PDB file of N, CA and C in Angstrom:
ATOM      1  N   MET A   1     -10.345  44.916   6.842  1.00  0.00           N
ATOM      2  CA  MET A   1     -11.024  43.984   6.204  1.00  0.00           C
ATOM      3  C   MET A   1     -10.095  43.097   5.389  1.00  0.00           C
ATOM      4  N   THR A   2      -9.020  43.817   4.484  1.00  0.00           N
ATOM      5  CA  THR A   2      -8.018  43.174   3.895  1.00  0.00           C
ATOM      6  C   THR A   2      -6.969  42.138   4.824  1.00  0.00           C
ATOM      7  N   ARG A   3      -6.837  42.795   5.991  1.00  0.00           N
ATOM      8  CA  ARG A   3      -6.124  41.934   6.856  1.00  0.00           C
ATOM      9  C   ARG A   3      -6.743  40.829   7.282  1.00  0.00           C
ATOM     10  N   ASN A   4      -7.888  40.741   7.531  1.00  0.00           N
ATOM     11  CA  ASN A   4      -8.783  39.823   7.935  1.00  0.00           C
ATOM     12  C   ASN A   4      -9.012  38.500   6.728  1.00  0.00           C
ATOM     13  N   LEU A   5      -9.109  39.060   5.735  1.00  0.00           N
ATOM     14  CA  LEU A   5      -9.115  38.131   4.509  1.00  0.00           C
ATOM     15  C   LEU A   5      -7.893  37.560   4.289  1.00  0.00           C
ATOM     16  N   ILE A   6      -6.736  38.083   4.241  1.00  0.00           N
ATOM     17  CA  ILE A   6      -5.387  37.567   4.396  1.00  0.00           C
ATOM     18  C   ILE A   6      -5.395  36.354   5.458  1.00  0.00           C
ATOM     19  N   ILE A   7      -5.537  36.867   6.689  1.00  0.00           N
ATOM     20  CA  ILE A   7      -5.361  35.942   7.890  1.00  0.00           C
ATOM     21  C   ILE A   7      -6.336  34.857   7.283  1.00  0.00           C
ATOM     22  N   PHE A   8      -7.858  34.756   6.964  1.00  0.00           N
ATOM     23  CA  PHE A   8      -8.634  33.837   6.864  1.00  0.00           C
ATOM     24  C   PHE A   8      -8.132  32.924   5.596  1.00  0.00           C
ATOM     25  N   SER A   9      -7.338  33.598   4.649  1.00  0.00           N
ATOM     26  CA  SER A   9      -6.832  32.642   3.454  1.00  0.00           C
ATOM     27  C   SER A   9      -5.794  32.165   3.905  1.00  0.00           C
ATOM     28  N   ALA A  10      -5.063  32.372   4.703  1.00  0.00           N
ATOM     29  CA  ALA A  10      -3.653  31.740   5.311  1.00  0.00           C
ATOM     30  C   ALA A  10      -4.254  30.549   6.115  1.00  0.00           C
ATOM     31  N   GLY A  11      -4.972  30.605   6.909  1.00  0.00           N
ATOM     32  CA  GLY A  11      -5.721  29.491   7.818  1.00  0.00           C
ATOM     33  C   GLY A  11      -6.390  28.608   6.829  1.00  0.00           C
ATOM     34  N   LEU A  12      -7.082  29.209   5.813  1.00  0.00           N
ATOM     35  CA  LEU A  12      -7.634  28.004   5.044  1.00  0.00           C
ATOM     36  C   LEU A  12      -6.700  27.156   4.439  1.00  0.00           C
ATOM     37  N   PHE A  13      -5.839  27.780   3.759  1.00  0.00           N
ATOM     38  CA  PHE A  13      -4.448  27.139   3.306  1.00  0.00           C
ATOM     39  C   PHE A  13      -4.047  26.163   4.123  1.00  0.00           C
ATOM     40  N   LEU A  14      -3.860  26.741   5.451  1.00  0.00           N
ATOM     41  CA  LEU A  14      -3.272  25.625   6.449  1.00  0.00           C
ATOM     42  C   LEU A  14      -3.999  24.146   6.522  1.00  0.00           C
ATOM     43  N   VAL A  15      -5.226  24.742   6.866  1.00  0.00           N
ATOM     44  CA  VAL A  15      -6.215  23.580   6.906  1.00  0.00           C
ATOM     45  C   VAL A  15      -6.333  22.467   5.905  1.00  0.00           C
ATOM     46  N   LEU A  16      -6.564  23.027   4.727  1.00  0.00           N
ATOM     47  CA  LEU A  16      -6.437  22.335   3.562  1.00  0.00           C
ATOM     48  C   LEU A  16      -5.420  21.373   3.217  1.00  0.00           C
ATOM     49  N   SER A  17      -3.953  22.111   3.399  1.00  0.00           N
ATOM     50  CA  SER A  17      -2.985  21.506   3.092  1.00  0.00           C
ATOM     51  C   SER A  17      -2.457  20.474   4.202  1.00  0.00           C
ATOM     52  N   SER A  18      -3.080  20.504   5.282  1.00  0.00           N
ATOM     53  CA  SER A  18      -2.872  19.588   6.246  1.00  0.00           C
ATOM     54  C   SER A  18      -3.896  18.551   6.193  1.00  0.00           C
ATOM     55  N   ALA A  19      -4.970  18.739   5.525  1.00  0.00           N
ATOM     56  CA  ALA A  19      -5.706  17.517   5.288  1.00  0.00           C
ATOM     57  C   ALA A  19      -5.250  16.698   4.204  1.00  0.00           C
ATOM     58  N   CYS A  20      -4.808  17.444   3.299  1.00  0.00           N
ATOM     59  CA  CYS A  20      -4.146  16.557   1.995  1.00  0.00           C
ATOM     60  C   CYS A  20      -3.070  15.704   2.407  1.00  0.00           C
ATOM     61  N   THR A  21      -2.152  16.399   3.318  1.00  0.00           N
ATOM     62  CA  THR A  21      -1.007  15.766   3.940  1.00  0.00           C
ATOM     63  C   THR A  21      -1.533  14.357   4.477  1.00  0.00           C
ATOM     64  N   LYS A  22      -2.700  14.538   5.494  1.00  0.00           N
ATOM     65  CA  LYS A  22      -3.032  13.536   6.366  1.00  0.00           C
ATOM     66  C   LYS A  22      -3.602  12.316   5.400  1.00  0.00           C
ATOM     67  N   GLN A  23      -4.194  12.743   4.394  1.00  0.00           N
ATOM     68  CA  GLN A  23      -4.974  11.632   3.387  1.00  0.00           C
ATOM     69  C   GLN A  23      -3.924  11.021   2.696  1.00  0.00           C
ATOM     70  N   ASP A  24      -2.951  11.873   2.165  1.00  0.00           N
ATOM     71  CA  ASP A  24      -1.627  11.099   1.671  1.00  0.00           C
ATOM     72  C   ASP A  24      -0.795  10.106   2.661  1.00  0.00           C
ATOM     73  N   GLN A  25      -0.800  10.605   4.102  1.00  0.00           N
ATOM     74  CA  GLN A  25      -0.374   9.647   4.806  1.00  0.00           C
ATOM     75  C   GLN A  25      -0.870   8.221   5.101  1.00  0.00           C
ATOM     76  N   LYS A  26      -1.976   8.205   4.637  1.00  0.00           N
ATOM     77  CA  LYS A  26      -3.019   6.815   4.583  1.00  0.00           C
ATOM     78  C   LYS A  26      -2.655   6.281   3.451  1.00  0.00           C
ATOM     79  N   ASP A  27      -1.824   6.761   2.339  1.00  0.00           N
ATOM     80  CA  ASP A  27      -1.949   5.840   1.239  1.00  0.00           C
ATOM     81  C   ASP A  27      -1.336   4.517   1.266  1.00  0.00           C
ATOM     82  N   PRO A  28      -2.006   3.456   0.802  1.00  0.00           N
ATOM     83  CA  PRO A  28      -1.542   2.024   0.861  1.00  0.00           C
ATOM     84  C   PRO A  28      -0.332   1.638   0.426  1.00  0.00           C
ATOM     85  N   THR A  29       0.268   2.735  -0.540  1.00  0.00           N
ATOM     86  CA  THR A  29       1.384   2.188  -1.032  1.00  0.00           C
ATOM     87  C   THR A  29       2.643   2.620  -0.446  1.00  0.00           C
ATOM     88  N   LEU A  30       2.544   3.466   0.540  1.00  0.00           N
ATOM     89  CA  LEU A  30       3.749   4.341   1.326  1.00  0.00           C
ATOM     90  C   LEU A  30       4.452   3.243   2.198  1.00  0.00           C
ATOM     91  N   PHE A  31       3.990   2.252   2.821  1.00  0.00           N
ATOM     92  CA  PHE A  31       4.535   1.433   3.637  1.00  0.00           C
ATOM     93  C   PHE A  31       5.538   0.916   2.685  1.00  0.00           C
ATOM     94  N   CYS A  32       5.251   0.129   1.775  1.00  0.00           N
ATOM     95  CA  CYS A  32       6.306  -0.463   0.739  1.00  0.00           C
ATOM     96  C   CYS A  32       7.320   0.505   0.298  1.00  0.00           C
ATOM     97  N   GLN A  33       6.870   1.427  -0.368  1.00  0.00           N
ATOM     98  CA  GLN A  33       8.002   2.852  -0.921  1.00  0.00           C
ATOM     99  C   GLN A  33       8.876   3.122   0.227  1.00  0.00           C
ATOM    100  N   ALA A  34       8.442   3.080   1.449  1.00  0.00           N
ATOM    101  CA  ALA A  34       9.176   3.348   2.687  1.00  0.00           C
ATOM    102  C   ALA A  34      10.355   2.608   3.011  1.00  0.00           C
ATOM    103  N   MET A  35       9.762   1.132   2.868  1.00  0.00           N
ATOM    104  CA  MET A  35      10.579  -0.074   3.307  1.00  0.00           C
ATOM    105  C   MET A  35      11.656   0.074   2.183  1.00  0.00           C
ATOM    106  N   SER A  36      11.440   0.131   0.751  1.00  0.00           N
ATOM    107  CA  SER A  36      12.126   0.163  -0.509  1.00  0.00           C
ATOM    108  C   SER A  36      13.420   1.341  -0.023  1.00  0.00           C
ATOM    109  N   ASP A  37      12.841   2.160   0.417  1.00  0.00           N
ATOM    110  CA  ASP A  37      13.647   3.519   0.583  1.00  0.00           C
ATOM    111  C   ASP A  37      14.568   3.299   1.805  1.00  0.00           C
ATOM    112  N   ASN A  38      14.011   2.189   2.457  1.00  0.00           N
ATOM    113  CA  ASN A  38      14.915   2.032   4.165  1.00  0.00           C
ATOM    114  C   ASN A  38      14.615   3.414   4.819  1.00  0.00           C
ATOM    115  N   ASP A  39      13.516   3.821   4.605  1.00  0.00           N
ATOM    116  CA  ASP A  39      12.848   4.928   5.472  1.00  0.00           C
ATOM    117  C   ASP A  39      11.914   4.486   6.783  1.00  0.00           C
ATOM    118  N   LEU A  40      12.796   3.806   7.745  1.00  0.00           N
ATOM    119  CA  LEU A  40      12.015   3.043   8.595  1.00  0.00           C
ATOM    120  C   LEU A  40      11.084   4.062   9.643  1.00  0.00           C
ATOM    121  N   LEU A  41      11.517   5.427   9.262  1.00  0.00           N
ATOM    122  CA  LEU A  41      10.732   6.566  10.302  1.00  0.00           C
ATOM    123  C   LEU A  41       9.000   6.265   9.439  1.00  0.00           C
ATOM    124  N   VAL A  42       8.907   6.350   8.193  1.00  0.00           N
ATOM    125  CA  VAL A  42       7.727   6.497   7.582  1.00  0.00           C
ATOM    126  C   VAL A  42       7.018   5.351   7.598  1.00  0.00           C
ATOM    127  N   ALA A  43       7.798   3.970   7.591  1.00  0.00           N
ATOM    128  CA  ALA A  43       7.269   2.856   7.478  1.00  0.00           C
ATOM    129  C   ALA A  43       6.756   2.552   8.926  1.00  0.00           C
ATOM    130  N   GLY A  44       7.401   3.169  10.128  1.00  0.00           N
ATOM    131  CA  GLY A  44       6.890   2.695  11.391  1.00  0.00           C
ATOM    132  C   GLY A  44       5.621   3.892  11.836  1.00  0.00           C
ATOM    133  N   TYR A  45       5.655   5.159  11.035  1.00  0.00           N
ATOM    134  CA  TYR A  45       4.591   5.919  11.190  1.00  0.00           C
ATOM    135  C   TYR A  45       3.221   4.981  10.620  1.00  0.00           C
ATOM    136  N   GLN A  46       3.297   4.498   9.349  1.00  0.00           N
ATOM    137  CA  GLN A  46       2.321   3.773   8.909  1.00  0.00           C
ATOM    138  C   GLN A  46       1.557   2.556   9.508  1.00  0.00           C
ATOM    139  N   ILE A  47       2.689   1.633  10.247  1.00  0.00           N
ATOM    140  CA  ILE A  47       2.183   0.590  11.056  1.00  0.00           C
ATOM    141  C   ILE A  47       1.706   1.393  12.550  1.00  0.00           C
ATOM    142  N   ASP A  48       1.914   2.655  12.853  1.00  0.00           N
ATOM    143  CA  ASP A  48       1.546   3.305  13.934  1.00  0.00           C
ATOM    144  C   ASP A  48       0.037   3.411  13.783  1.00  0.00           C
ATOM    145  N   GLU A  49      -0.154   4.255  12.473  1.00  0.00           N
ATOM    146  CA  GLU A  49      -1.602   4.324  12.263  1.00  0.00           C
ATOM    147  C   GLU A  49      -2.630   3.482  12.219  1.00  0.00           C
ATOM    148  N   GLN A  50      -1.858   2.420  11.566  1.00  0.00           N
ATOM    149  CA  GLN A  50      -2.792   1.010  11.704  1.00  0.00           C
ATOM    150  C   GLN A  50      -3.138   0.506  13.181  1.00  0.00           C
ATOM    151  N   ALA A  51      -1.990   0.531  13.720  1.00  0.00           N
ATOM    152  CA  ALA A  51      -2.260   0.056  15.187  1.00  0.00           C
ATOM    153  C   ALA A  51      -2.904   1.029  16.336  1.00  0.00           C
ATOM    154  N   LYS A  52      -3.283   2.478  15.907  1.00  0.00           N
ATOM    155  CA  LYS A  52      -4.204   3.166  16.446  1.00  0.00           C
ATOM    156  C   LYS A  52      -5.509   2.909  16.087  1.00  0.00           C
ATOM    157  N   ASP A  53      -5.640   2.699  14.953  1.00  0.00           N
ATOM    158  CA  ASP A  53      -7.206   2.387  14.172  1.00  0.00           C
ATOM    159  C   ASP A  53      -7.666   1.012  14.761  1.00  0.00           C
ATOM    160  N   GLN A  54      -7.231   0.209  15.543  1.00  0.00           N
ATOM    161  CA  GLN A  54      -7.470  -1.013  16.211  1.00  0.00           C
ATOM    162  C   GLN A  54      -8.169  -0.716  17.519  1.00  0.00           C
ATOM    163  N   THR A  55      -9.358  -1.146  17.743  1.00  0.00           N
ATOM    164  CA  THR A  55      -9.947  -0.724  18.906  1.00  0.00           C
ATOM    165  C   THR A  55     -10.723  -1.793  19.631  1.00  0.00           C
ATOM    166  N   ASN A  56      -9.933  -3.214  19.567  1.00  0.00           N
ATOM    167  CA  ASN A  56     -10.454  -4.188  20.415  1.00  0.00           C
ATOM    168  C   ASN A  56     -10.202  -3.819  21.866  1.00  0.00           C
ATOM    169  N   ALA A  57     -10.499  -4.686  22.793  1.00  0.00           N
ATOM    170  CA  ALA A  57      -9.996  -4.620  24.066  1.00  0.00           C
ATOM    171  C   ALA A  57      -9.010  -5.312  24.443  1.00  0.00           C
ATOM    172  N   GLU A  58      -8.622  -6.394  23.468  1.00  0.00           N
ATOM    173  CA  GLU A  58      -7.732  -7.258  23.700  1.00  0.00           C
ATOM    174  C   GLU A  58      -6.491  -7.001  22.739  1.00  0.00           C
ATOM    175  N   TRP A  59      -5.423  -6.757  23.234  1.00  0.00           N
ATOM    176  CA  TRP A  59      -3.822  -6.468  22.350  1.00  0.00           C
ATOM    177  C   TRP A  59      -3.733  -7.521  21.605  1.00  0.00           C
ATOM    178  N   GLU A  60      -4.095  -9.039  21.891  1.00  0.00           N
ATOM    179  CA  GLU A  60      -3.577  -9.858  20.937  1.00  0.00           C
ATOM    180  C   GLU A  60      -4.482  -9.651  19.445  1.00  0.00           C
ATOM    181  N   VAL A  61      -5.713  -9.392  19.728  1.00  0.00           N
ATOM    182  CA  VAL A  61      -6.563  -9.272  18.449  1.00  0.00           C
ATOM    183  C   VAL A  61      -6.255  -7.817  17.721  1.00  0.00           C
ATOM    184  N   ASN A  62      -5.744  -6.919  18.246  1.00  0.00           N
ATOM    185  CA  ASN A  62      -5.133  -5.807  17.660  1.00  0.00           C
ATOM    186  C   ASN A  62      -3.612  -5.907  16.875  1.00  0.00           C
ATOM    187  N   THR A  63      -3.107  -6.664  17.952  1.00  0.00           N
ATOM    188  CA  THR A  63      -1.676  -7.169  17.120  1.00  0.00           C
ATOM    189  C   THR A  63      -1.945  -7.918  15.832  1.00  0.00           C
ATOM    190  N   GLN A  64      -2.942  -8.860  15.892  1.00  0.00           N
ATOM    191  CA  GLN A  64      -2.959  -9.906  14.806  1.00  0.00           C
ATOM    192  C   GLN A  64      -3.914  -8.907  13.809  1.00  0.00           C
ATOM    193  N   ALA A  65      -4.334  -8.065  13.769  1.00  0.00           N
ATOM    194  CA  ALA A  65      -4.912  -7.281  12.793  1.00  0.00           C
ATOM    195  C   ALA A  65      -4.101  -6.270  12.141  1.00  0.00           C
ATOM    196  N   VAL A  66      -3.078  -5.963  12.978  1.00  0.00           N
ATOM    197  CA  VAL A  66      -1.698  -5.055  12.316  1.00  0.00           C
ATOM    198  C   VAL A  66      -0.918  -6.112  11.455  1.00  0.00           C
ATOM    199  N   ALA A  67      -0.651  -7.302  11.853  1.00  0.00           N
ATOM    200  CA  ALA A  67       0.020  -8.361  11.365  1.00  0.00           C
ATOM    201  C   ALA A  67      -0.853  -8.661  10.041  1.00  0.00           C
ATOM    202  N   ASP A  68      -1.776  -8.756   9.976  1.00  0.00           N
ATOM    203  CA  ASP A  68      -2.794  -8.940   8.632  1.00  0.00           C
ATOM    204  C   ASP A  68      -2.745  -7.948   7.684  1.00  0.00           C
ATOM    205  N   TRP A  69      -2.551  -6.767   8.288  1.00  0.00           N
ATOM    206  CA  TRP A  69      -2.470  -5.466   7.307  1.00  0.00           C
ATOM    207  C   TRP A  69      -1.019  -5.455   6.739  1.00  0.00           C
ATOM    208  N   LEU A  70      -0.201  -6.023   7.576  1.00  0.00           N
ATOM    209  CA  LEU A  70       1.161  -5.994   6.952  1.00  0.00           C
ATOM    210  C   LEU A  70       1.654  -7.143   5.705  1.00  0.00           C
ATOM    211  N   GLU A  71       0.648  -8.085   6.148  1.00  0.00           N
ATOM    212  CA  GLU A  71       0.795  -9.167   5.229  1.00  0.00           C
ATOM    213  C   GLU A  71       0.062  -8.912   3.852  1.00  0.00           C
ATOM    214  N   SER A  72      -0.866  -8.134   3.926  1.00  0.00           N
ATOM    215  CA  SER A  72      -1.491  -7.358   2.766  1.00  0.00           C
ATOM    216  C   SER A  72      -0.726  -6.635   1.936  1.00  0.00           C
ATOM    217  N   GLN A  73       0.034  -6.066   2.586  1.00  0.00           N
ATOM    218  CA  GLN A  73       1.171  -5.274   1.568  1.00  0.00           C
ATOM    219  C   GLN A  73       1.922  -6.044   0.483  1.00  0.00           C
ATOM    220  N   ASP A  74       2.010  -5.356  -0.625  1.00  0.00           N
ATOM    221  CA  ASP A  74       2.698  -6.036  -1.729  1.00  0.00           C
ATOM    222  C   ASP A  74       4.172  -6.437  -1.500  1.00  0.00           C
ATOM    223  N   CYS A  75       4.687  -5.686  -0.405  1.00  0.00           N
ATOM    224  CA  CYS A  75       6.243  -6.001  -0.493  1.00  0.00           C
ATOM    225  C   CYS A  75       6.427  -7.027   0.922  1.00  0.00           C
ATOM    226  N   VAL A  76       5.297  -7.421   1.353  1.00  0.00           N
ATOM    227  CA  VAL A  76       5.577  -8.330   2.504  1.00  0.00           C
ATOM    228  C   VAL A  76       5.119  -9.781   2.335  1.00  0.00           C
ATOM    229  N   LYS A  77       5.720 -10.663   2.398  1.00  0.00           N
ATOM    230  CA  LYS A  77       5.802 -12.122   2.118  1.00  0.00           C
ATOM    231  C   LYS A  77       4.843 -12.776   3.508  1.00  0.00           C
ATOM    232  N   GLU A  78       5.299 -12.707   4.375  1.00  0.00           N
ATOM    233  CA  GLU A  78       4.808 -13.196   5.559  1.00  0.00           C
ATOM    234  C   GLU A  78       4.973 -12.411   6.646  1.00  0.00           C
ATOM    235  N   ALA A  79       3.748 -12.039   7.608  1.00  0.00           N
ATOM    236  CA  ALA A  79       3.875 -11.462   9.074  1.00  0.00           C
ATOM    237  C   ALA A  79       3.297 -12.398  10.171  1.00  0.00           C
ATOM    238  N   THR A  80       4.486 -12.559  11.052  1.00  0.00           N
ATOM    239  CA  THR A  80       3.709 -13.633  12.225  1.00  0.00           C
ATOM    240  C   THR A  80       3.960 -12.959  13.660  1.00  0.00           C
ATOM    241  N   THR A  81       3.061 -13.257  14.192  1.00  0.00           N
ATOM    242  CA  THR A  81       2.877 -12.720  15.776  1.00  0.00           C
ATOM    243  C   THR A  81       3.421 -13.999  16.534  1.00  0.00           C
ATOM    244  N   SER A  82       3.837 -13.479  17.833  1.00  0.00           N
ATOM    245  CA  SER A  82       4.205 -14.505  18.903  1.00  0.00           C
ATOM    246  C   SER A  82       3.457 -13.914  20.121  1.00  0.00           C
ATOM    247  N   PHE A  83       2.418 -14.866  20.542  1.00  0.00           N
ATOM    248  CA  PHE A  83       1.778 -14.421  21.750  1.00  0.00           C
ATOM    249  C   PHE A  83       2.151 -15.384  23.043  1.00  0.00           C
ATOM    250  N   SER A  84       3.445 -15.851  23.084  1.00  0.00           N
ATOM    251  CA  SER A  84       3.952 -16.680  24.087  1.00  0.00           C
ATOM    252  C   SER A  84       4.225 -15.859  25.434  1.00  0.00           C
ATOM    253  N   GLY A  85       3.650 -14.548  25.507  1.00  0.00           N
ATOM    254  CA  GLY A  85       3.684 -13.575  26.619  1.00  0.00           C
ATOM    255  C   GLY A  85       4.332 -12.219  26.044  1.00  0.00           C
ATOM    256  N   LEU A  86       4.220 -11.264  26.784  1.00  0.00           N
ATOM    257  CA  LEU A  86       4.553 -10.058  26.565  1.00  0.00           C
ATOM    258  C   LEU A  86       5.973 -10.246  26.986  1.00  0.00           C
ATOM    259  N   ILE A  87       6.835  -8.782  26.307  1.00  0.00           N
ATOM    260  CA  ILE A  87       8.431  -8.740  26.948  1.00  0.00           C
ATOM    261  C   ILE A  87       8.222  -7.897  28.006  1.00  0.00           C
ATOM    262  N   GLU A  88       8.696  -8.079  28.910  1.00  0.00           N
ATOM    263  CA  GLU A  88       8.550  -7.230  30.150  1.00  0.00           C
ATOM    264  C   GLU A  88       9.469  -5.911  30.207  1.00  0.00           C
ATOM    265  N   THR A  89       8.658  -4.983  29.540  1.00  0.00           N
ATOM    266  CA  THR A  89       9.402  -3.602  29.585  1.00  0.00           C
ATOM    267  C   THR A  89       8.420  -2.835  30.229  1.00  0.00           C
ATOM    268  N   LEU A  90       8.777  -1.718  30.206  1.00  0.00           N
ATOM    269  CA  LEU A  90       7.715  -0.473  30.694  1.00  0.00           C
ATOM    270  C   LEU A  90       7.594   0.470  29.317  1.00  0.00           C
ATOM    271  N   PRO A  91       6.341   0.464  28.847  1.00  0.00           N
ATOM    272  CA  PRO A  91       5.387  -0.432  28.882  1.00  0.00           C
ATOM    273  C   PRO A  91       5.955  -1.727  28.188  1.00  0.00           C
ATOM    274  N   PRO A  92       4.914  -2.758  28.512  1.00  0.00           N
ATOM    275  CA  PRO A  92       5.391  -4.089  27.936  1.00  0.00           C
ATOM    276  C   PRO A  92       5.154  -3.930  26.359  1.00  0.00           C
ATOM    277  N   GLN A  93       5.786  -4.944  25.614  1.00  0.00           N
ATOM    278  CA  GLN A  93       5.972  -4.940  24.483  1.00  0.00           C
ATOM    279  C   GLN A  93       5.392  -6.194  23.777  1.00  0.00           C
ATOM    280  N   THR A  94       5.159  -6.230  22.432  1.00  0.00           N
ATOM    281  CA  THR A  94       4.828  -7.592  21.789  1.00  0.00           C
ATOM    282  C   THR A  94       5.525  -7.406  20.409  1.00  0.00           C
ATOM    283  N   GLU A  95       5.847  -8.503  19.778  1.00  0.00           N
ATOM    284  CA  GLU A  95       6.533  -8.364  18.242  1.00  0.00           C
ATOM    285  C   GLU A  95       5.644  -8.974  17.296  1.00  0.00           C
ATOM    286  N   ILE A  96       5.951  -8.510  15.990  1.00  0.00           N
ATOM    287  CA  ILE A  96       5.580  -9.245  14.809  1.00  0.00           C
ATOM    288  C   ILE A  96       6.716  -9.270  14.001  1.00  0.00           C
ATOM    289  N   ALA A  97       6.884 -10.311  13.497  1.00  0.00           N
ATOM    290  CA  ALA A  97       8.015 -10.587  12.686  1.00  0.00           C
ATOM    291  C   ALA A  97       7.832 -10.623  11.012  1.00  0.00           C
ATOM    292  N   ILE A  98       8.478  -9.884  10.242  1.00  0.00           N
ATOM    293  CA  ILE A  98       7.848  -9.782   8.910  1.00  0.00           C
ATOM    294  C   ILE A  98       8.842 -10.204   7.946  1.00  0.00           C
ATOM    295  N   THR A  99       8.696 -10.852   6.945  1.00  0.00           N
ATOM    296  CA  THR A  99       9.666 -11.179   5.803  1.00  0.00           C
ATOM    297  C   THR A  99       9.292 -10.592   4.470  1.00  0.00           C
ATOM    298  N   MET A 100      10.184  -9.676   4.045  1.00  0.00           N
ATOM    299  CA  MET A 100       9.833  -8.930   2.827  1.00  0.00           C
ATOM    300  C   MET A 100       9.994  -9.814   1.717  1.00  0.00           C
ATOM    301  N   ASP A 101       9.367  -9.146   0.670  1.00  0.00           N
ATOM    302  CA  ASP A 101       9.618 -10.313  -0.651  1.00  0.00           C
ATOM    303  C   ASP A 101      11.155 -10.351  -1.291  1.00  0.00           C
ATOM    304  N   ASP A 102      12.153  -9.592  -0.695  1.00  0.00           N
ATOM    305  CA  ASP A 102      13.366 -10.232  -0.907  1.00  0.00           C
ATOM    306  C   ASP A 102      14.181 -10.707  -0.111  1.00  0.00           C
ATOM    307  N   ASP A 103      13.268 -11.196   1.066  1.00  0.00           N
ATOM    308  CA  ASP A 103      13.513 -12.474   1.968  1.00  0.00           C
ATOM    309  C   ASP A 103      14.331 -11.722   3.294  1.00  0.00           C
ATOM    310  N   LYS A 104      14.276 -10.307   3.277  1.00  0.00           N
ATOM    311  CA  LYS A 104      15.175  -9.656   4.461  1.00  0.00           C
ATOM    312  C   LYS A 104      13.834  -9.579   5.486  1.00  0.00           C
ATOM    313  N   GLN A 105      14.256  -9.961   6.628  1.00  0.00           N
ATOM    314  CA  GLN A 105      13.625  -9.981   7.985  1.00  0.00           C
ATOM    315  C   GLN A 105      13.564  -8.938   8.919  1.00  0.00           C
ATOM    316  N   TRP A 106      12.520  -8.634   9.236  1.00  0.00           N
ATOM    317  CA  TRP A 106      12.542  -7.628  10.241  1.00  0.00           C
ATOM    318  C   TRP A 106      11.683  -7.963  11.483  1.00  0.00           C
ATOM    319  N   ILE A 107      11.765  -7.436  12.688  1.00  0.00           N
ATOM    320  CA  ILE A 107      11.034  -7.617  13.731  1.00  0.00           C
ATOM    321  C   ILE A 107      10.780  -6.416  14.246  1.00  0.00           C
ATOM    322  N   ILE A 108       9.110  -6.092  14.266  1.00  0.00           N
ATOM    323  CA  ILE A 108       8.897  -4.953  14.524  1.00  0.00           C
ATOM    324  C   ILE A 108       7.952  -4.782  16.365  1.00  0.00           C
ATOM    325  N   ASP A 109       8.575  -4.119  16.966  1.00  0.00           N
ATOM    326  CA  ASP A 109       8.163  -3.926  18.150  1.00  0.00           C
ATOM    327  C   ASP A 109       6.955  -3.143  18.500  1.00  0.00           C
ATOM    328  N   LEU A 110       6.115  -3.608  19.271  1.00  0.00           N
ATOM    329  CA  LEU A 110       4.750  -2.586  19.359  1.00  0.00           C
ATOM    330  C   LEU A 110       4.784  -2.728  21.145  1.00  0.00           C
ATOM    331  N   TYR A 111       4.370  -1.396  21.470  1.00  0.00           N
ATOM    332  CA  TYR A 111       4.140  -1.282  22.871  1.00  0.00           C
ATOM    333  C   TYR A 111       2.773  -1.745  23.106  1.00  0.00           C
ATOM    334  N   VAL A 112       2.479  -2.241  24.380  1.00  0.00           N
ATOM    335  CA  VAL A 112       1.027  -2.544  24.728  1.00  0.00           C
ATOM    336  C   VAL A 112       0.486  -2.121  26.021  1.00  0.00           C
ATOM    337  N   ASP A 113      -0.702  -1.603  25.711  1.00  0.00           N
ATOM    338  CA  ASP A 113      -1.344  -1.323  27.374  1.00  0.00           C
ATOM    339  C   ASP A 113      -2.298  -2.330  27.478  1.00  0.00           C
ATOM    340  N   GLU A 114      -2.078  -3.464  28.444  1.00  0.00           N
ATOM    341  CA  GLU A 114      -2.868  -4.269  28.462  1.00  0.00           C
ATOM    342  C   GLU A 114      -4.309  -4.139  29.214  1.00  0.00           C
ATOM    343  N   ALA A 115      -4.502  -3.009  29.895  1.00  0.00           N
ATOM    344  CA  ALA A 115      -5.550  -2.597  30.441  1.00  0.00           C
ATOM    345  C   ALA A 115      -6.880  -2.422  29.597  1.00  0.00           C
ATOM    346  N   ASN A 116      -6.423  -1.525  28.139  1.00  0.00           N
ATOM    347  CA  ASN A 116      -7.417  -1.336  27.314  1.00  0.00           C
ATOM    348  C   ASN A 116      -7.192  -2.004  26.021  1.00  0.00           C
ATOM    349  N   GLY A 117      -6.087  -2.453  25.575  1.00  0.00           N
ATOM    350  CA  GLY A 117      -5.735  -3.447  24.512  1.00  0.00           C
ATOM    351  C   GLY A 117      -5.165  -2.504  23.364  1.00  0.00           C
ATOM    352  N   ASN A 118      -4.945  -1.273  23.757  1.00  0.00           N
ATOM    353  CA  ASN A 118      -4.334  -0.249  22.575  1.00  0.00           C
ATOM    354  C   ASN A 118      -2.997  -0.874  22.785  1.00  0.00           C
ATOM    355  N   ILE A 119      -2.245  -0.796  21.226  1.00  0.00           N
ATOM    356  CA  ILE A 119      -1.097  -1.024  20.918  1.00  0.00           C
ATOM    357  C   ILE A 119      -0.226   0.045  20.170  1.00  0.00           C
ATOM    358  N   TRP A 120       0.768   0.446  19.965  1.00  0.00           N
ATOM    359  CA  TRP A 120       1.343   1.516  19.378  1.00  0.00           C
ATOM    360  C   TRP A 120       2.837   1.354  18.771  1.00  0.00           C
ATOM    361  N   PHE A 121       3.635   1.662  17.747  1.00  0.00           N
ATOM    362  CA  PHE A 121       4.701   1.057  17.174  1.00  0.00           C
ATOM    363  C   PHE A 121       5.737   1.702  18.051  1.00  0.00           C
ATOM    364  N   ASN A 122       6.845   0.934  18.339  1.00  0.00           N
ATOM    365  CA  ASN A 122       7.889   1.310  18.921  1.00  0.00           C
ATOM    366  C   ASN A 122       9.105   1.464  18.009  1.00  0.00           C
ATOM    367  N   ARG A 123       9.537   0.202  17.458  1.00  0.00           N
ATOM    368  CA  ARG A 123      10.811   0.311  16.731  1.00  0.00           C
ATOM    369  C   ARG A 123      10.747  -0.939  15.894  1.00  0.00           C
ATOM    370  N   PHE A 124      11.743  -0.779  14.825  1.00  0.00           N
ATOM    371  CA  PHE A 124      12.238  -1.766  14.097  1.00  0.00           C
ATOM    372  C   PHE A 124      13.421  -2.532  14.385  1.00  0.00           C
ATOM    373  N   HIS A 125      13.603  -3.857  14.155  1.00  0.00           N
ATOM    374  CA  HIS A 125      15.009  -4.374  14.480  1.00  0.00           C
ATOM    375  C   HIS A 125      15.198  -5.350  13.793  1.00  0.00           C
ATOM    376  N   GLU A 126      16.493  -5.992  13.395  1.00  0.00           N
ATOM    377  CA  GLU A 126      16.769  -6.945  12.717  1.00  0.00           C
ATOM    378  C   GLU A 126      16.827  -8.363  13.620  1.00  0.00           C
TER     379      GLU A 126
END
């Protein structure tokens, strides 16, 4: 009985702590904090979470929604998309250009699944 209680308690702790971590990862201040810390991994994760939340069948609509989210961030002055065509890679990519409040500019590459409109984060570059 004691062994089962210990196993149950450990399992419950893991579930609760992972739920808290997931909630913290959706914190709207994390993107700007990550960019301030030059932590592109965490910032990219935040973008990817926004991209995965988009469910439109057209990638252009989903990309614009992510650009709008980026522009709503306190540290982003401007976010623009370019729909002149996909970048021909495997998988294809699109870009969002952002200008931060300190005027630093970044390009965000997003992978695109043309068949269903899904997009996901690839990388930052200047």
